[in-house]
């Protein structure tokens, strides 16, 4: 009886081993016993940027930048991209302190950022910055009309850099007000109440806010910039950058990027007009 039990155990062990080999063969068809290593990439993004990175009515993180990262994730099996959400104002500091590996939040290039971080090569969007005011305002039609006015923007946003650069050559004519932890919601409330006169944003963001939360905003004047948008990485992550660029080129070529832009932003913002 003991011998029979031993034989049965051996047979079961053999079956388990064969099963494990079959599983390994599916994961690694080349025949190596070790499964391929997967590197985790922590992606920093936000939850308050309409159409870009936000929580839907079920509380799920989605938007253009989020779904693009998920598409890149599908095409790079050697990496696992994991989202970490936070206030926009904390993204650059979190990258600098290595709490995240990559930022996906419509990031534009400026010299201060280039000095500290690594941008990928393939732009994935064109970001048309424009002046935004309450729908009832008629006295503001351009950037120059903001002289003597209060304009609220995110402290570390490229909109802030645009206004700061304007002030350098215009005797600090615009009073820049930086939003608090409420981010976009703070700006919407301040514009509605009249405590600030304008902000800087994009047509697709304003459209979404008006449709979903009645933000009562409108775009005025021509675009004051059409900056290209990139991902930002830690300086040393050159290999990740190259792989992300490789995936982005393929996503552009097969039309997936254009489809994502049209779905989330209402038009193809992946090329300059």
C-alpha atoms as a PDB file:
ATOM      1  CA  UNK A   1       0.000   0.000   0.000  1.00  0.00           C
ATOM      2  CA  UNK A   2       2.848   2.391   0.851  1.00  0.00           C
ATOM      3  CA  UNK A   3       4.577   1.572  -2.423  1.00  0.00           C
ATOM      4  CA  UNK A   4       1.375   2.211  -4.367  1.00  0.00           C
ATOM      5  CA  UNK A   5       0.869   5.545  -2.619  1.00  0.00           C
ATOM      6  CA  UNK A   6       4.441   6.495  -3.447  1.00  0.00           C
ATOM      7  CA  UNK A   7       3.901   5.587  -7.089  1.00  0.00           C
ATOM      8  CA  UNK A   8       0.731   7.663  -7.232  1.00  0.00           C
ATOM      9  CA  UNK A   9       2.527  10.617  -5.663  1.00  0.00           C
ATOM     10  CA  UNK A  10       5.322  10.326  -8.179  1.00  0.00           C
ATOM     11  CA  UNK A  11       2.837  10.273 -11.052  1.00  0.00           C
ATOM     12  CA  UNK A  12       1.079  13.352  -9.687  1.00  0.00           C
ATOM     13  CA  UNK A  13       4.399  15.147  -9.273  1.00  0.00           C
ATOM     14  CA  UNK A  14       5.330  14.243 -12.831  1.00  0.00           C
ATOM     15  CA  UNK A  15       2.009  15.613 -14.138  1.00  0.00           C
ATOM     16  CA  UNK A  16       2.508  18.847 -12.182  1.00  0.00           C
ATOM     17  CA  UNK A  17       6.012  19.233 -13.585  1.00  0.00           C
ATOM     18  CA  UNK A  18       4.781  18.629 -17.144  1.00  0.00           C
ATOM     19  CA  UNK A  19       2.033  21.196 -16.608  1.00  0.00           C
ATOM     20  CA  UNK A  20       4.548  23.765 -15.358  1.00  0.00           C
ATOM     21  CA  UNK A  21       6.724  23.106 -18.424  1.00  0.00           C
ATOM     22  CA  UNK A  22       3.745  23.650 -20.716  1.00  0.00           C
ATOM     23  CA  UNK A  23       2.937  26.946 -18.990  1.00  0.00           C
ATOM     24  CA  UNK A  24       6.538  28.103 -19.230  1.00  0.00           C
ATOM     25  CA  UNK A  25       6.590  27.215 -22.927  1.00  0.00           C
ATOM     26  CA  UNK A  26       3.527  29.434 -23.537  1.00  0.00           C
ATOM     27  CA  UNK A  27       5.087  32.346 -21.666  1.00  0.00           C
ATOM     28  CA  UNK A  28       8.529  31.827 -23.153  1.00  0.00           C
ATOM     29  CA  UNK A  29       8.281  29.972 -26.492  1.00  0.00           C
ATOM     30  CA  UNK A  30      12.041  30.158 -26.963  1.00  0.00           C
ATOM     31  CA  UNK A  31      12.453  27.388 -24.449  1.00  0.00           C
ATOM     32  CA  UNK A  32      14.402  29.202 -21.716  1.00  0.00           C
ATOM     33  CA  UNK A  33      13.275  28.131 -18.265  1.00  0.00           C
ATOM     34  CA  UNK A  34      13.176  31.679 -16.873  1.00  0.00           C
ATOM     35  CA  UNK A  35      10.237  33.899 -17.766  1.00  0.00           C
ATOM     36  CA  UNK A  36      11.187  37.208 -19.425  1.00  0.00           C
ATOM     37  CA  UNK A  37      11.783  40.006 -16.932  1.00  0.00           C
ATOM     38  CA  UNK A  38       9.161  42.756 -16.815  1.00  0.00           C
ATOM     39  CA  UNK A  39      10.143  46.240 -15.634  1.00  0.00           C
ATOM     40  CA  UNK A  40       7.522  48.348 -13.862  1.00  0.00           C
ATOM     41  CA  UNK A  41       7.188  51.972 -14.945  1.00  0.00           C
ATOM     42  CA  UNK A  42       5.232  54.203 -12.559  1.00  0.00           C
ATOM     43  CA  UNK A  43       3.359  56.832 -14.543  1.00  0.00           C
ATOM     44  CA  UNK A  44       2.365  60.040 -12.801  1.00  0.00           C
ATOM     45  CA  UNK A  45      -0.831  61.689 -13.988  1.00  0.00           C
ATOM     46  CA  UNK A  46      -3.783  63.680 -12.653  1.00  0.00           C
ATOM     47  CA  UNK A  47      -7.534  63.311 -12.251  1.00  0.00           C
ATOM     48  CA  UNK A  48      -8.803  66.828 -12.995  1.00  0.00           C
ATOM     49  CA  UNK A  49      -7.817  67.534 -16.603  1.00  0.00           C
ATOM     50  CA  UNK A  50     -10.959  67.163 -18.730  1.00  0.00           C
ATOM     51  CA  UNK A  51     -10.554  64.677 -21.606  1.00  0.00           C
ATOM     52  CA  UNK A  52      -6.869  64.149 -20.779  1.00  0.00           C
ATOM     53  CA  UNK A  53      -6.685  62.431 -17.388  1.00  0.00           C
ATOM     54  CA  UNK A  54      -9.824  62.347 -15.270  1.00  0.00           C
ATOM     55  CA  UNK A  55     -12.221  60.078 -13.391  1.00  0.00           C
ATOM     56  CA  UNK A  56     -15.332  59.073 -15.324  1.00  0.00           C
ATOM     57  CA  UNK A  57     -18.803  58.781 -13.758  1.00  0.00           C
ATOM     58  CA  UNK A  58     -17.863  55.337 -12.438  1.00  0.00           C
ATOM     59  CA  UNK A  59     -14.664  56.573 -10.830  1.00  0.00           C
ATOM     60  CA  UNK A  60     -12.366  55.013 -13.440  1.00  0.00           C
ATOM     61  CA  UNK A  61      -9.223  56.806 -14.582  1.00  0.00           C
ATOM     62  CA  UNK A  62      -9.378  57.536 -18.311  1.00  0.00           C
ATOM     63  CA  UNK A  63      -8.732  60.209 -20.948  1.00  0.00           C
ATOM     64  CA  UNK A  64      -6.426  60.774 -23.898  1.00  0.00           C
ATOM     65  CA  UNK A  65      -3.091  60.562 -22.079  1.00  0.00           C
ATOM     66  CA  UNK A  66      -4.249  57.632 -19.940  1.00  0.00           C
ATOM     67  CA  UNK A  67      -5.498  55.557 -22.869  1.00  0.00           C
ATOM     68  CA  UNK A  68      -2.375  56.352 -24.882  1.00  0.00           C
ATOM     69  CA  UNK A  69      -0.184  55.000 -22.073  1.00  0.00           C
ATOM     70  CA  UNK A  70      -2.355  51.872 -21.988  1.00  0.00           C
ATOM     71  CA  UNK A  71      -1.845  51.454 -25.731  1.00  0.00           C
ATOM     72  CA  UNK A  72       1.919  51.825 -25.306  1.00  0.00           C
ATOM     73  CA  UNK A  73       1.755  49.268 -22.478  1.00  0.00           C
ATOM     74  CA  UNK A  74       0.138  46.736 -24.824  1.00  0.00           C
ATOM     75  CA  UNK A  75       2.957  47.144 -27.326  1.00  0.00           C
ATOM     76  CA  UNK A  76       5.836  46.905 -24.875  1.00  0.00           C
ATOM     77  CA  UNK A  77       5.557  43.520 -23.118  1.00  0.00           C
ATOM     78  CA  UNK A  78       8.907  44.037 -21.412  1.00  0.00           C
ATOM     79  CA  UNK A  79       7.351  46.868 -19.369  1.00  0.00           C
ATOM     80  CA  UNK A  80       4.372  47.169 -17.047  1.00  0.00           C
ATOM     81  CA  UNK A  81       2.986  50.707 -16.831  1.00  0.00           C
ATOM     82  CA  UNK A  82       1.258  51.525 -13.549  1.00  0.00           C
ATOM     83  CA  UNK A  83      -0.575  54.801 -12.888  1.00  0.00           C
ATOM     84  CA  UNK A  84      -0.076  56.929  -9.801  1.00  0.00           C
ATOM     85  CA  UNK A  85      -2.452  59.906  -9.586  1.00  0.00           C
ATOM     86  CA  UNK A  86      -1.737  63.192  -7.825  1.00  0.00           C
ATOM     87  CA  UNK A  87      -2.246  66.950  -8.047  1.00  0.00           C
ATOM     88  CA  UNK A  88      -0.629  68.428 -11.148  1.00  0.00           C
ATOM     89  CA  UNK A  89       1.559  70.667  -8.986  1.00  0.00           C
ATOM     90  CA  UNK A  90       3.200  67.573  -7.442  1.00  0.00           C
ATOM     91  CA  UNK A  91       4.110  65.777 -10.676  1.00  0.00           C
ATOM     92  CA  UNK A  92       7.509  67.343 -11.398  1.00  0.00           C
ATOM     93  CA  UNK A  93       8.643  67.068  -7.763  1.00  0.00           C
ATOM     94  CA  UNK A  94       7.570  63.416  -7.687  1.00  0.00           C
ATOM     95  CA  UNK A  95       9.611  62.756 -10.827  1.00  0.00           C
ATOM     96  CA  UNK A  96      12.616  64.586  -9.400  1.00  0.00           C
ATOM     97  CA  UNK A  97      12.452  62.560  -6.179  1.00  0.00           C
ATOM     98  CA  UNK A  98      11.989  59.317  -8.139  1.00  0.00           C
ATOM     99  CA  UNK A  99       8.534  58.538  -6.785  1.00  0.00           C
ATOM    100  CA  UNK A 100       7.413  58.162 -10.391  1.00  0.00           C
ATOM    101  CA  UNK A 101       9.291  57.283 -13.577  1.00  0.00           C
ATOM    102  CA  UNK A 102       7.296  59.123 -16.227  1.00  0.00           C
ATOM    103  CA  UNK A 103       4.735  61.947 -16.454  1.00  0.00           C
ATOM    104  CA  UNK A 104       1.734  61.760 -18.783  1.00  0.00           C
ATOM    105  CA  UNK A 105      -0.137  65.057 -18.463  1.00  0.00           C
ATOM    106  CA  UNK A 106       0.175  67.091 -21.700  1.00  0.00           C
ATOM    107  CA  UNK A 107       3.652  68.286 -20.748  1.00  0.00           C
ATOM    108  CA  UNK A 108       5.273  70.943 -22.917  1.00  0.00           C
ATOM    109  CA  UNK A 109       8.988  71.661 -23.172  1.00  0.00           C
ATOM    110  CA  UNK A 110      10.617  74.597 -21.415  1.00  0.00           C
ATOM    111  CA  UNK A 111      14.234  75.237 -20.473  1.00  0.00           C
ATOM    112  CA  UNK A 112      13.759  74.675 -16.741  1.00  0.00           C
ATOM    113  CA  UNK A 113      12.233  71.252 -17.350  1.00  0.00           C
ATOM    114  CA  UNK A 114      14.887  70.301 -19.918  1.00  0.00           C
ATOM    115  CA  UNK A 115      17.636  71.039 -17.409  1.00  0.00           C
ATOM    116  CA  UNK A 116      16.253  68.505 -14.921  1.00  0.00           C
ATOM    117  CA  UNK A 117      14.422  65.877 -16.925  1.00  0.00           C
ATOM    118  CA  UNK A 118      14.368  63.824 -20.103  1.00  0.00           C
ATOM    119  CA  UNK A 119      11.738  64.362 -22.795  1.00  0.00           C
ATOM    120  CA  UNK A 120      10.924  61.656 -25.309  1.00  0.00           C
ATOM    121  CA  UNK A 121      11.492  62.511 -28.989  1.00  0.00           C
ATOM    122  CA  UNK A 122       8.070  61.774 -30.497  1.00  0.00           C
ATOM    123  CA  UNK A 123       5.491  64.470 -29.781  1.00  0.00           C
ATOM    124  CA  UNK A 124       2.039  62.951 -29.328  1.00  0.00           C
ATOM    125  CA  UNK A 125      -0.098  66.075 -29.363  1.00  0.00           C
ATOM    126  CA  UNK A 126      -0.285  69.756 -30.222  1.00  0.00           C
ATOM    127  CA  UNK A 127      -1.466  71.846 -27.283  1.00  0.00           C
ATOM    128  CA  UNK A 128      -3.204  75.076 -28.395  1.00  0.00           C
ATOM    129  CA  UNK A 129      -3.075  77.472 -25.439  1.00  0.00           C
ATOM    130  CA  UNK A 130      -5.763  80.176 -25.579  1.00  0.00           C
ATOM    131  CA  UNK A 131      -7.249  82.847 -23.353  1.00  0.00           C
ATOM    132  CA  UNK A 132     -10.374  81.672 -21.502  1.00  0.00           C
ATOM    133  CA  UNK A 133     -12.925  83.937 -19.810  1.00  0.00           C
ATOM    134  CA  UNK A 134     -16.437  83.763 -18.384  1.00  0.00           C
ATOM    135  CA  UNK A 135     -19.019  83.490 -21.155  1.00  0.00           C
ATOM    136  CA  UNK A 136     -20.442  86.952 -20.367  1.00  0.00           C
ATOM    137  CA  UNK A 137     -17.130  88.827 -20.646  1.00  0.00           C
ATOM    138  CA  UNK A 138     -16.733  91.001 -23.740  1.00  0.00           C
ATOM    139  CA  UNK A 139     -13.774  93.206 -22.763  1.00  0.00           C
ATOM    140  CA  UNK A 140     -11.090  90.543 -23.201  1.00  0.00           C
ATOM    141  CA  UNK A 141     -10.244  89.304 -26.715  1.00  0.00           C
ATOM    142  CA  UNK A 142      -6.483  88.741 -26.641  1.00  0.00           C
ATOM    143  CA  UNK A 143      -3.424  88.263 -24.463  1.00  0.00           C
ATOM    144  CA  UNK A 144      -2.764  92.019 -24.502  1.00  0.00           C
ATOM    145  CA  UNK A 145      -6.244  92.606 -23.069  1.00  0.00           C
ATOM    146  CA  UNK A 146      -5.107  90.794 -19.920  1.00  0.00           C
ATOM    147  CA  UNK A 147      -2.927  93.732 -18.888  1.00  0.00           C
ATOM    148  CA  UNK A 148      -4.058  94.884 -15.465  1.00  0.00           C
ATOM    149  CA  UNK A 149      -6.172  91.737 -15.058  1.00  0.00           C
ATOM    150  CA  UNK A 150      -5.959  88.707 -12.754  1.00  0.00           C
ATOM    151  CA  UNK A 151      -5.230  85.453 -14.578  1.00  0.00           C
ATOM    152  CA  UNK A 152      -5.312  82.133 -12.712  1.00  0.00           C
ATOM    153  CA  UNK A 153      -3.168  79.173 -13.825  1.00  0.00           C
ATOM    154  CA  UNK A 154      -1.454  76.133 -12.319  1.00  0.00           C
ATOM    155  CA  UNK A 155       1.826  77.030 -10.616  1.00  0.00           C
ATOM    156  CA  UNK A 156       3.983  74.575 -12.582  1.00  0.00           C
ATOM    157  CA  UNK A 157       2.009  74.657 -15.846  1.00  0.00           C
ATOM    158  CA  UNK A 158       3.327  75.858 -19.171  1.00  0.00           C
ATOM    159  CA  UNK A 159       0.477  78.390 -19.137  1.00  0.00           C
ATOM    160  CA  UNK A 160       2.207  79.926 -16.125  1.00  0.00           C
ATOM    161  CA  UNK A 161       5.490  80.039 -18.047  1.00  0.00           C
ATOM    162  CA  UNK A 162       3.757  81.763 -20.981  1.00  0.00           C
ATOM    163  CA  UNK A 163       2.383  84.467 -18.686  1.00  0.00           C
ATOM    164  CA  UNK A 164       5.682  84.842 -16.836  1.00  0.00           C
ATOM    165  CA  UNK A 165       7.533  85.310 -20.142  1.00  0.00           C
ATOM    166  CA  UNK A 166       4.952  87.871 -21.247  1.00  0.00           C
ATOM    167  CA  UNK A 167       5.385  89.787 -18.013  1.00  0.00           C
ATOM    168  CA  UNK A 168       9.170  89.925 -18.466  1.00  0.00           C
ATOM    169  CA  UNK A 169       8.750  92.092 -21.545  1.00  0.00           C
ATOM    170  CA  UNK A 170       5.622  93.965 -20.427  1.00  0.00           C
ATOM    171  CA  UNK A 171       6.525  95.323 -16.987  1.00  0.00           C
ATOM    172  CA  UNK A 172       4.625  92.600 -15.111  1.00  0.00           C
ATOM    173  CA  UNK A 173       1.394  93.850 -16.648  1.00  0.00           C
ATOM    174  CA  UNK A 174      -0.593  90.686 -15.867  1.00  0.00           C
ATOM    175  CA  UNK A 175      -1.357  89.742 -12.267  1.00  0.00           C
ATOM    176  CA  UNK A 176      -0.750  85.993 -12.201  1.00  0.00           C
ATOM    177  CA  UNK A 177      -2.728  84.061  -9.590  1.00  0.00           C
ATOM    178  CA  UNK A 178      -1.789  80.445  -8.948  1.00  0.00           C
ATOM    179  CA  UNK A 179      -4.499  77.878  -8.302  1.00  0.00           C
ATOM    180  CA  UNK A 180      -4.544  75.957  -5.041  1.00  0.00           C
ATOM    181  CA  UNK A 181      -4.979  72.252  -4.390  1.00  0.00           C
ATOM    182  CA  UNK A 182      -8.380  72.411  -6.079  1.00  0.00           C
ATOM    183  CA  UNK A 183      -6.654  72.773  -9.446  1.00  0.00           C
ATOM    184  CA  UNK A 184      -9.096  73.111 -12.342  1.00  0.00           C
ATOM    185  CA  UNK A 185     -12.104  73.232 -10.019  1.00  0.00           C
ATOM    186  CA  UNK A 186     -10.541  76.166  -8.206  1.00  0.00           C
ATOM    187  CA  UNK A 187     -10.057  78.044 -11.484  1.00  0.00           C
ATOM    188  CA  UNK A 188     -13.649  77.352 -12.593  1.00  0.00           C
ATOM    189  CA  UNK A 189     -15.031  78.673  -9.299  1.00  0.00           C
ATOM    190  CA  UNK A 190     -12.861  81.809  -9.354  1.00  0.00           C
ATOM    191  CA  UNK A 191     -13.840  82.633 -12.948  1.00  0.00           C
ATOM    192  CA  UNK A 192     -17.540  82.172 -12.185  1.00  0.00           C
ATOM    193  CA  UNK A 193     -17.358  84.422  -9.133  1.00  0.00           C
ATOM    194  CA  UNK A 194     -15.375  87.095 -10.956  1.00  0.00           C
ATOM    195  CA  UNK A 195     -12.483  86.967  -8.489  1.00  0.00           C
ATOM    196  CA  UNK A 196     -10.172  86.368 -11.460  1.00  0.00           C
ATOM    197  CA  UNK A 197     -10.612  87.614 -15.008  1.00  0.00           C
ATOM    198  CA  UNK A 198      -9.216  84.824 -17.147  1.00  0.00           C
ATOM    199  CA  UNK A 199      -7.211  81.621 -17.405  1.00  0.00           C
ATOM    200  CA  UNK A 200      -5.232  79.880 -20.131  1.00  0.00           C
ATOM    201  CA  UNK A 201      -6.519  76.568 -21.473  1.00  0.00           C
ATOM    202  CA  UNK A 202      -7.544  74.689 -24.617  1.00  0.00           C
ATOM    203  CA  UNK A 203     -10.728  74.555 -26.651  1.00  0.00           C
ATOM    204  CA  UNK A 204     -11.257  70.833 -26.026  1.00  0.00           C
ATOM    205  CA  UNK A 205     -10.941  71.251 -22.257  1.00  0.00           C
ATOM    206  CA  UNK A 206     -13.330  74.199 -22.155  1.00  0.00           C
ATOM    207  CA  UNK A 207     -15.886  72.354 -24.281  1.00  0.00           C
ATOM    208  CA  UNK A 208     -15.856  69.364 -21.946  1.00  0.00           C
ATOM    209  CA  UNK A 209     -16.181  71.522 -18.830  1.00  0.00           C
ATOM    210  CA  UNK A 210     -19.110  73.413 -20.278  1.00  0.00           C
ATOM    211  CA  UNK A 211     -20.899  70.199 -21.227  1.00  0.00           C
ATOM    212  CA  UNK A 212     -20.356  68.318 -17.987  1.00  0.00           C
ATOM    213  CA  UNK A 213     -20.257  70.871 -15.172  1.00  0.00           C
ATOM    214  CA  UNK A 214     -21.566  74.090 -16.762  1.00  0.00           C
ATOM    215  CA  UNK A 215     -18.320  75.974 -16.243  1.00  0.00           C
ATOM    216  CA  UNK A 216     -19.680  78.972 -18.231  1.00  0.00           C
ATOM    217  CA  UNK A 217     -16.376  79.544 -20.018  1.00  0.00           C
ATOM    218  CA  UNK A 218     -15.465  80.579 -23.553  1.00  0.00           C
ATOM    219  CA  UNK A 219     -12.322  80.780 -25.670  1.00  0.00           C
ATOM    220  CA  UNK A 220     -11.355  84.216 -27.025  1.00  0.00           C
ATOM    221  CA  UNK A 221      -8.805  85.275 -29.621  1.00  0.00           C
ATOM    222  CA  UNK A 222      -6.225  83.257 -31.491  1.00  0.00           C
ATOM    223  CA  UNK A 223      -4.009  80.580 -29.979  1.00  0.00           C
ATOM    224  CA  UNK A 224      -1.135  82.181 -28.092  1.00  0.00           C
ATOM    225  CA  UNK A 225       0.956  79.036 -28.513  1.00  0.00           C
ATOM    226  CA  UNK A 226       0.772  75.683 -30.257  1.00  0.00           C
ATOM    227  CA  UNK A 227       3.312  73.720 -28.267  1.00  0.00           C
ATOM    228  CA  UNK A 228       4.144  70.110 -28.939  1.00  0.00           C
ATOM    229  CA  UNK A 229       3.415  67.697 -26.103  1.00  0.00           C
ATOM    230  CA  UNK A 230       5.733  64.976 -24.805  1.00  0.00           C
ATOM    231  CA  UNK A 231       6.228  62.555 -21.938  1.00  0.00           C
ATOM    232  CA  UNK A 232       8.808  63.499 -19.296  1.00  0.00           C
ATOM    233  CA  UNK A 233      11.112  60.906 -17.726  1.00  0.00           C
ATOM    234  CA  UNK A 234      13.958  60.753 -15.253  1.00  0.00           C
ATOM    235  CA  UNK A 235      17.233  61.735 -16.913  1.00  0.00           C
ATOM    236  CA  UNK A 236      18.725  58.250 -16.765  1.00  0.00           C
ATOM    237  CA  UNK A 237      15.741  56.430 -18.292  1.00  0.00           C
ATOM    238  CA  UNK A 238      17.070  56.619 -21.859  1.00  0.00           C
ATOM    239  CA  UNK A 239      16.197  53.000 -22.657  1.00  0.00           C
ATOM    240  CA  UNK A 240      12.582  53.510 -21.599  1.00  0.00           C
ATOM    241  CA  UNK A 241      12.461  56.710 -23.672  1.00  0.00           C
ATOM    242  CA  UNK A 242      13.665  54.884 -26.776  1.00  0.00           C
ATOM    243  CA  UNK A 243      11.111  52.096 -26.333  1.00  0.00           C
ATOM    244  CA  UNK A 244       8.275  54.565 -25.747  1.00  0.00           C
ATOM    245  CA  UNK A 245       9.271  56.470 -28.898  1.00  0.00           C
ATOM    246  CA  UNK A 246       9.369  53.224 -30.850  1.00  0.00           C
ATOM    247  CA  UNK A 247       5.842  52.352 -29.708  1.00  0.00           C
ATOM    248  CA  UNK A 248       4.598  55.886 -30.402  1.00  0.00           C
ATOM    249  CA  UNK A 249       5.898  55.803 -33.967  1.00  0.00           C
ATOM    250  CA  UNK A 250       3.965  52.594 -34.566  1.00  0.00           C
ATOM    251  CA  UNK A 251       0.835  54.043 -32.911  1.00  0.00           C
ATOM    252  CA  UNK A 252       1.066  57.085 -35.178  1.00  0.00           C
ATOM    253  CA  UNK A 253       1.716  55.052 -38.301  1.00  0.00           C
ATOM    254  CA  UNK A 254      -1.288  52.732 -37.940  1.00  0.00           C
ATOM    255  CA  UNK A 255      -3.684  55.614 -37.187  1.00  0.00           C
ATOM    256  CA  UNK A 256      -4.338  54.698 -33.552  1.00  0.00           C
ATOM    257  CA  UNK A 257      -3.063  58.035 -32.230  1.00  0.00           C
ATOM    258  CA  UNK A 258      -5.324  59.999 -34.557  1.00  0.00           C
ATOM    259  CA  UNK A 259      -8.320  57.913 -33.448  1.00  0.00           C
ATOM    260  CA  UNK A 260      -7.525  58.491 -29.767  1.00  0.00           C
ATOM    261  CA  UNK A 261      -7.191  62.230 -30.318  1.00  0.00           C
ATOM    262  CA  UNK A 262     -10.480  62.437 -32.231  1.00  0.00           C
ATOM    263  CA  UNK A 263     -12.287  60.366 -29.599  1.00  0.00           C
ATOM    264  CA  UNK A 264     -11.076  62.288 -26.557  1.00  0.00           C
ATOM    265  CA  UNK A 265     -10.292  65.757 -27.882  1.00  0.00           C
ATOM    266  CA  UNK A 266     -12.894  66.104 -30.620  1.00  0.00           C
ATOM    267  CA  UNK A 267     -10.344  66.568 -33.421  1.00  0.00           C
ATOM    268  CA  UNK A 268      -6.958  65.341 -34.585  1.00  0.00           C
ATOM    269  CA  UNK A 269      -4.483  67.364 -32.539  1.00  0.00           C
ATOM    270  CA  UNK A 270      -1.621  64.994 -33.316  1.00  0.00           C
ATOM    271  CA  UNK A 271      -0.319  67.152 -36.184  1.00  0.00           C
ATOM    272  CA  UNK A 272       0.189  70.892 -36.494  1.00  0.00           C
ATOM    273  CA  UNK A 273      -2.280  72.747 -38.700  1.00  0.00           C
END
